[in-house]
Amino acid sequence: MCHCPNKVFSNLVEVAKENIDVISEFNALKQEELGIEALHFYDNYVPWLVKLLKIFL
């Protein structure tokens, strides 16, 4: 059970809704870089960013 004010919870939900496109773009990039057809929850733990950093650094 959350013991935070309704205003705080409502703000959290609103910010999440406003930024869902950013998360979707990030997941699409990750899926493309990993070369997989579907992104699953456990794919969040794959260290794919190291590969990208090596390319740009």
PDB file of N, CA and C in Angstrom:
ATOM      1  N   MET A   1       0.839  -1.181   0.000  1.00  0.00           N
ATOM      2  CA  MET A   1       0.000   0.000   0.000  1.00  0.00           C
ATOM      3  C   MET A   1       0.883   1.243   0.000  1.00  0.00           C
ATOM      4  N   CYS A   2       0.537   2.199  -0.823  1.00  0.00           N
ATOM      5  CA  CYS A   2       1.297   3.445  -0.938  1.00  0.00           C
ATOM      6  C   CYS A   2       0.791   4.450   0.090  1.00  0.00           C
ATOM      7  N   HIS A   3       1.726   5.017   0.814  1.00  0.00           N
ATOM      8  CA  HIS A   3       1.370   6.030   1.810  1.00  0.00           C
ATOM      9  C   HIS A   3       1.832   7.399   1.342  1.00  0.00           C
ATOM     10  N   CYS A   4       1.616   7.681   0.069  1.00  0.00           N
ATOM     11  CA  CYS A   4       1.995   8.982  -0.464  1.00  0.00           C
ATOM     12  C   CYS A   4       0.729   9.751  -0.834  1.00  0.00           C
ATOM     13  N   PRO A   5       0.841  11.066  -0.885  1.00  0.00           N
ATOM     14  CA  PRO A   5      -0.337  11.865  -1.244  1.00  0.00           C
ATOM     15  C   PRO A   5      -0.820  11.542  -2.665  1.00  0.00           C
ATOM     16  N   ASN A   6      -2.118  11.667  -2.878  1.00  0.00           N
ATOM     17  CA  ASN A   6      -2.686  11.405  -4.201  1.00  0.00           C
ATOM     18  C   ASN A   6      -2.046  12.272  -5.274  1.00  0.00           C
ATOM     19  N   LYS A   7      -1.695  13.499  -4.925  1.00  0.00           N
ATOM     20  CA  LYS A   7      -1.086  14.417  -5.887  1.00  0.00           C
ATOM     21  C   LYS A   7       0.253  13.862  -6.390  1.00  0.00           C
ATOM     22  N   VAL A   8       1.035  13.279  -5.505  1.00  0.00           N
ATOM     23  CA  VAL A   8       2.326  12.701  -5.885  1.00  0.00           C
ATOM     24  C   VAL A   8       2.109  11.518  -6.816  1.00  0.00           C
ATOM     25  N   PHE A   9       1.190  10.649  -6.476  1.00  0.00           N
ATOM     26  CA  PHE A   9       0.895   9.482  -7.304  1.00  0.00           C
ATOM     27  C   PHE A   9       0.376   9.907  -8.673  1.00  0.00           C
ATOM     28  N   SER A  10      -0.534  10.867  -8.704  1.00  0.00           N
ATOM     29  CA  SER A  10      -1.087  11.352  -9.970  1.00  0.00           C
ATOM     30  C   SER A  10       0.000  11.956 -10.845  1.00  0.00           C
ATOM     31  N   ASN A  11       0.920  12.691 -10.229  1.00  0.00           N
ATOM     32  CA  ASN A  11       2.024  13.289 -10.972  1.00  0.00           C
ATOM     33  C   ASN A  11       2.921  12.207 -11.567  1.00  0.00           C
ATOM     34  N   LEU A  12       3.195  11.171 -10.808  1.00  0.00           N
ATOM     35  CA  LEU A  12       4.012  10.060 -11.294  1.00  0.00           C
ATOM     36  C   LEU A  12       3.375   9.412 -12.520  1.00  0.00           C
ATOM     37  N   VAL A  13       2.083   9.162 -12.459  1.00  0.00           N
ATOM     38  CA  VAL A  13       1.370   8.551 -13.580  1.00  0.00           C
ATOM     39  C   VAL A  13       1.402   9.473 -14.793  1.00  0.00           C
ATOM     40  N   GLU A  14       1.197  10.754 -14.590  1.00  0.00           N
ATOM     41  CA  GLU A  14       1.196  11.719 -15.691  1.00  0.00           C
ATOM     42  C   GLU A  14       2.558  11.802 -16.373  1.00  0.00           C
ATOM     43  N   VAL A  15       3.621  11.847 -15.595  1.00  0.00           N
ATOM     44  CA  VAL A  15       4.973  11.904 -16.162  1.00  0.00           C
ATOM     45  C   VAL A  15       5.282  10.623 -16.932  1.00  0.00           C
ATOM     46  N   ALA A  16       4.861   9.496 -16.416  1.00  0.00           N
ATOM     47  CA  ALA A  16       5.070   8.226 -17.115  1.00  0.00           C
ATOM     48  C   ALA A  16       4.339   8.225 -18.459  1.00  0.00           C
ATOM     49  N   LYS A  17       3.111   8.714 -18.484  1.00  0.00           N
ATOM     50  CA  LYS A  17       2.346   8.786 -19.730  1.00  0.00           C
ATOM     51  C   LYS A  17       3.012   9.715 -20.737  1.00  0.00           C
ATOM     52  N   GLU A  18       3.526  10.844 -20.262  1.00  0.00           N
ATOM     53  CA  GLU A  18       4.163  11.826 -21.142  1.00  0.00           C
ATOM     54  C   GLU A  18       5.443  11.286 -21.775  1.00  0.00           C
ATOM     55  N   ASN A  19       6.095  10.345 -21.125  1.00  0.00           N
ATOM     56  CA  ASN A  19       7.394   9.868 -21.590  1.00  0.00           C
ATOM     57  C   ASN A  19       7.377   8.445 -22.128  1.00  0.00           C
ATOM     58  N   ILE A  20       6.212   7.896 -22.375  1.00  0.00           N
ATOM     59  CA  ILE A  20       6.134   6.522 -22.869  1.00  0.00           C
ATOM     60  C   ILE A  20       6.785   6.386 -24.241  1.00  0.00           C
ATOM     61  N   ASP A  21       6.758   7.452 -25.050  1.00  0.00           N
ATOM     62  CA  ASP A  21       7.390   7.399 -26.370  1.00  0.00           C
ATOM     63  C   ASP A  21       8.898   7.228 -26.260  1.00  0.00           C
ATOM     64  N   VAL A  22       9.506   7.852 -25.267  1.00  0.00           N
ATOM     65  CA  VAL A  22      10.950   7.727 -25.058  1.00  0.00           C
ATOM     66  C   VAL A  22      11.306   6.278 -24.738  1.00  0.00           C
ATOM     67  N   ILE A  23      10.532   5.662 -23.878  1.00  0.00           N
ATOM     68  CA  ILE A  23      10.769   4.265 -23.513  1.00  0.00           C
ATOM     69  C   ILE A  23      10.565   3.356 -24.726  1.00  0.00           C
ATOM     70  N   SER A  24       9.541   3.630 -25.515  1.00  0.00           N
ATOM     71  CA  SER A  24       9.276   2.817 -26.702  1.00  0.00           C
ATOM     72  C   SER A  24      10.416   2.924 -27.710  1.00  0.00           C
ATOM     73  N   GLU A  25      10.932   4.131 -27.921  1.00  0.00           N
ATOM     74  CA  GLU A  25      12.058   4.323 -28.835  1.00  0.00           C
ATOM     75  C   GLU A  25      13.306   3.607 -28.321  1.00  0.00           C
ATOM     76  N   PHE A  26      13.546   3.702 -27.034  1.00  0.00           N
ATOM     77  CA  PHE A  26      14.690   3.025 -26.427  1.00  0.00           C
ATOM     78  C   PHE A  26      14.588   1.515 -26.619  1.00  0.00           C
ATOM     79  N   ASN A  27      13.412   0.966 -26.374  1.00  0.00           N
ATOM     80  CA  ASN A  27      13.215  -0.477 -26.529  1.00  0.00           C
ATOM     81  C   ASN A  27      13.349  -0.911 -27.985  1.00  0.00           C
ATOM     82  N   ALA A  28      12.884  -0.088 -28.918  1.00  0.00           N
ATOM     83  CA  ALA A  28      13.031  -0.414 -30.339  1.00  0.00           C
ATOM     84  C   ALA A  28      14.503  -0.431 -30.741  1.00  0.00           C
ATOM     85  N   LEU A  29      15.269   0.535 -30.253  1.00  0.00           N
ATOM     86  CA  LEU A  29      16.703   0.578 -30.532  1.00  0.00           C
ATOM     87  C   LEU A  29      17.399  -0.645 -29.957  1.00  0.00           C
ATOM     88  N   LYS A  30      17.051  -0.986 -28.741  1.00  0.00           N
ATOM     89  CA  LYS A  30      17.658  -2.143 -28.090  1.00  0.00           C
ATOM     90  C   LYS A  30      17.324  -3.426 -28.851  1.00  0.00           C
ATOM     91  N   GLN A  31      16.082  -3.570 -29.246  1.00  0.00           N
ATOM     92  CA  GLN A  31      15.657  -4.747 -30.000  1.00  0.00           C
ATOM     93  C   GLN A  31      16.428  -4.836 -31.313  1.00  0.00           C
ATOM     94  N   GLU A  32      16.579  -3.719 -31.998  1.00  0.00           N
ATOM     95  CA  GLU A  32      17.314  -3.697 -33.265  1.00  0.00           C
ATOM     96  C   GLU A  32      18.785  -4.058 -33.059  1.00  0.00           C
ATOM     97  N   GLU A  33      19.405  -3.479 -32.054  1.00  0.00           N
ATOM     98  CA  GLU A  33      20.820  -3.737 -31.792  1.00  0.00           C
ATOM     99  C   GLU A  33      21.078  -5.177 -31.362  1.00  0.00           C
ATOM    100  N   LEU A  34      20.134  -5.760 -30.648  1.00  0.00           N
ATOM    101  CA  LEU A  34      20.288  -7.148 -30.226  1.00  0.00           C
ATOM    102  C   LEU A  34      19.950  -8.122 -31.352  1.00  0.00           C
ATOM    103  N   GLY A  35      19.269  -7.628 -32.393  1.00  0.00           N
ATOM    104  CA  GLY A  35      18.908  -8.474 -33.519  1.00  0.00           C
ATOM    105  C   GLY A  35      17.876  -9.529 -33.174  1.00  0.00           C
ATOM    106  N   ILE A  36      16.892  -9.136 -32.372  1.00  0.00           N
ATOM    107  CA  ILE A  36      15.853 -10.082 -31.962  1.00  0.00           C
ATOM    108  C   ILE A  36      14.494  -9.624 -32.485  1.00  0.00           C
ATOM    109  N   GLU A  37      13.590 -10.587 -32.676  1.00  0.00           N
ATOM    110  CA  GLU A  37      12.262 -10.271 -33.202  1.00  0.00           C
ATOM    111  C   GLU A  37      11.362  -9.615 -32.161  1.00  0.00           C
ATOM    112  N   ALA A  38      11.473 -10.071 -30.928  1.00  0.00           N
ATOM    113  CA  ALA A  38      10.630  -9.541 -29.856  1.00  0.00           C
ATOM    114  C   ALA A  38      11.484  -9.284 -28.620  1.00  0.00           C
ATOM    115  N   LEU A  39      11.228  -8.182 -27.971  1.00  0.00           N
ATOM    116  CA  LEU A  39      11.948  -7.822 -26.755  1.00  0.00           C
ATOM    117  C   LEU A  39      11.176  -8.356 -25.550  1.00  0.00           C
ATOM    118  N   HIS A  40      11.842  -9.136 -24.725  1.00  0.00           N
ATOM    119  CA  HIS A  40      11.222  -9.708 -23.534  1.00  0.00           C
ATOM    120  C   HIS A  40      11.764  -9.023 -22.284  1.00  0.00           C
ATOM    121  N   PHE A  41      11.071  -9.206 -21.179  1.00  0.00           N
ATOM    122  CA  PHE A  41      11.467  -8.561 -19.928  1.00  0.00           C
ATOM    123  C   PHE A  41      12.917  -8.859 -19.569  1.00  0.00           C
ATOM    124  N   TYR A  42      13.340 -10.102 -19.738  1.00  0.00           N
ATOM    125  CA  TYR A  42      14.701 -10.481 -19.358  1.00  0.00           C
ATOM    126  C   TYR A  42      15.754  -9.857 -20.268  1.00  0.00           C
ATOM    127  N   ASP A  43      15.358  -9.338 -21.424  1.00  0.00           N
ATOM    128  CA  ASP A  43      16.308  -8.664 -22.311  1.00  0.00           C
ATOM    129  C   ASP A  43      16.795  -7.342 -21.728  1.00  0.00           C
ATOM    130  N   ASN A  44      16.111  -6.850 -20.714  1.00  0.00           N
ATOM    131  CA  ASN A  44      16.553  -5.617 -20.055  1.00  0.00           C
ATOM    132  C   ASN A  44      17.902  -5.784 -19.372  1.00  0.00           C
ATOM    133  N   TYR A  45      18.309  -7.010 -19.126  1.00  0.00           N
ATOM    134  CA  TYR A  45      19.543  -7.265 -18.394  1.00  0.00           C
ATOM    135  C   TYR A  45      20.731  -7.564 -19.301  1.00  0.00           C
ATOM    136  N   VAL A  46      20.521  -7.537 -20.609  1.00  0.00           N
ATOM    137  CA  VAL A  46      21.606  -7.805 -21.554  1.00  0.00           C
ATOM    138  C   VAL A  46      22.470  -6.549 -21.677  1.00  0.00           C
ATOM    139  N   PRO A  47      23.789  -6.681 -21.509  1.00  0.00           N
ATOM    140  CA  PRO A  47      24.681  -5.509 -21.560  1.00  0.00           C
ATOM    141  C   PRO A  47      24.992  -5.083 -22.995  1.00  0.00           C
ATOM    142  N   TRP A  48      24.012  -4.606 -23.711  1.00  0.00           N
ATOM    143  CA  TRP A  48      24.187  -4.223 -25.109  1.00  0.00           C
ATOM    144  C   TRP A  48      24.797  -2.843 -25.270  1.00  0.00           C
ATOM    145  N   LEU A  49      24.678  -1.994 -24.291  1.00  0.00           N
ATOM    146  CA  LEU A  49      25.162  -0.615 -24.405  1.00  0.00           C
ATOM    147  C   LEU A  49      26.677  -0.552 -24.525  1.00  0.00           C
ATOM    148  N   VAL A  50      27.376  -1.499 -23.966  1.00  0.00           N
ATOM    149  CA  VAL A  50      28.835  -1.524 -24.038  1.00  0.00           C
ATOM    150  C   VAL A  50      29.272  -1.563 -25.500  1.00  0.00           C
ATOM    151  N   LYS A  51      28.586  -2.335 -26.305  1.00  0.00           N
ATOM    152  CA  LYS A  51      28.892  -2.438 -27.731  1.00  0.00           C
ATOM    153  C   LYS A  51      28.726  -1.079 -28.411  1.00  0.00           C
ATOM    154  N   LEU A  52      27.649  -0.375 -28.107  1.00  0.00           N
ATOM    155  CA  LEU A  52      27.419   0.933 -28.710  1.00  0.00           C
ATOM    156  C   LEU A  52      28.455   1.953 -28.259  1.00  0.00           C
ATOM    157  N   LEU A  53      28.827   1.926 -27.002  1.00  0.00           N
ATOM    158  CA  LEU A  53      29.822   2.874 -26.505  1.00  0.00           C
ATOM    159  C   LEU A  53      31.163   2.683 -27.192  1.00  0.00           C
ATOM    160  N   LYS A  54      31.531   1.448 -27.470  1.00  0.00           N
ATOM    161  CA  LYS A  54      32.791   1.176 -28.159  1.00  0.00           C
ATOM    162  C   LYS A  54      32.778   1.760 -29.567  1.00  0.00           C
ATOM    163  N   ILE A  55      31.627   1.785 -30.192  1.00  0.00           N
ATOM    164  CA  ILE A  55      31.506   2.336 -31.541  1.00  0.00           C
ATOM    165  C   ILE A  55      31.703   3.847 -31.523  1.00  0.00           C
ATOM    166  N   PHE A  56      31.119   4.524 -30.544  1.00  0.00           N
ATOM    167  CA  PHE A  56      31.123   5.982 -30.520  1.00  0.00           C
ATOM    168  C   PHE A  56      32.281   6.592 -29.743  1.00  0.00           C
ATOM    169  N   LEU A  57      33.000   5.810 -28.959  1.00  0.00           N
ATOM    170  CA  LEU A  57      34.099   6.372 -28.168  1.00  0.00           C
ATOM    171  C   LEU A  57      35.412   6.083 -28.761  1.00  0.00           C
TER     172      LEU A  57
END
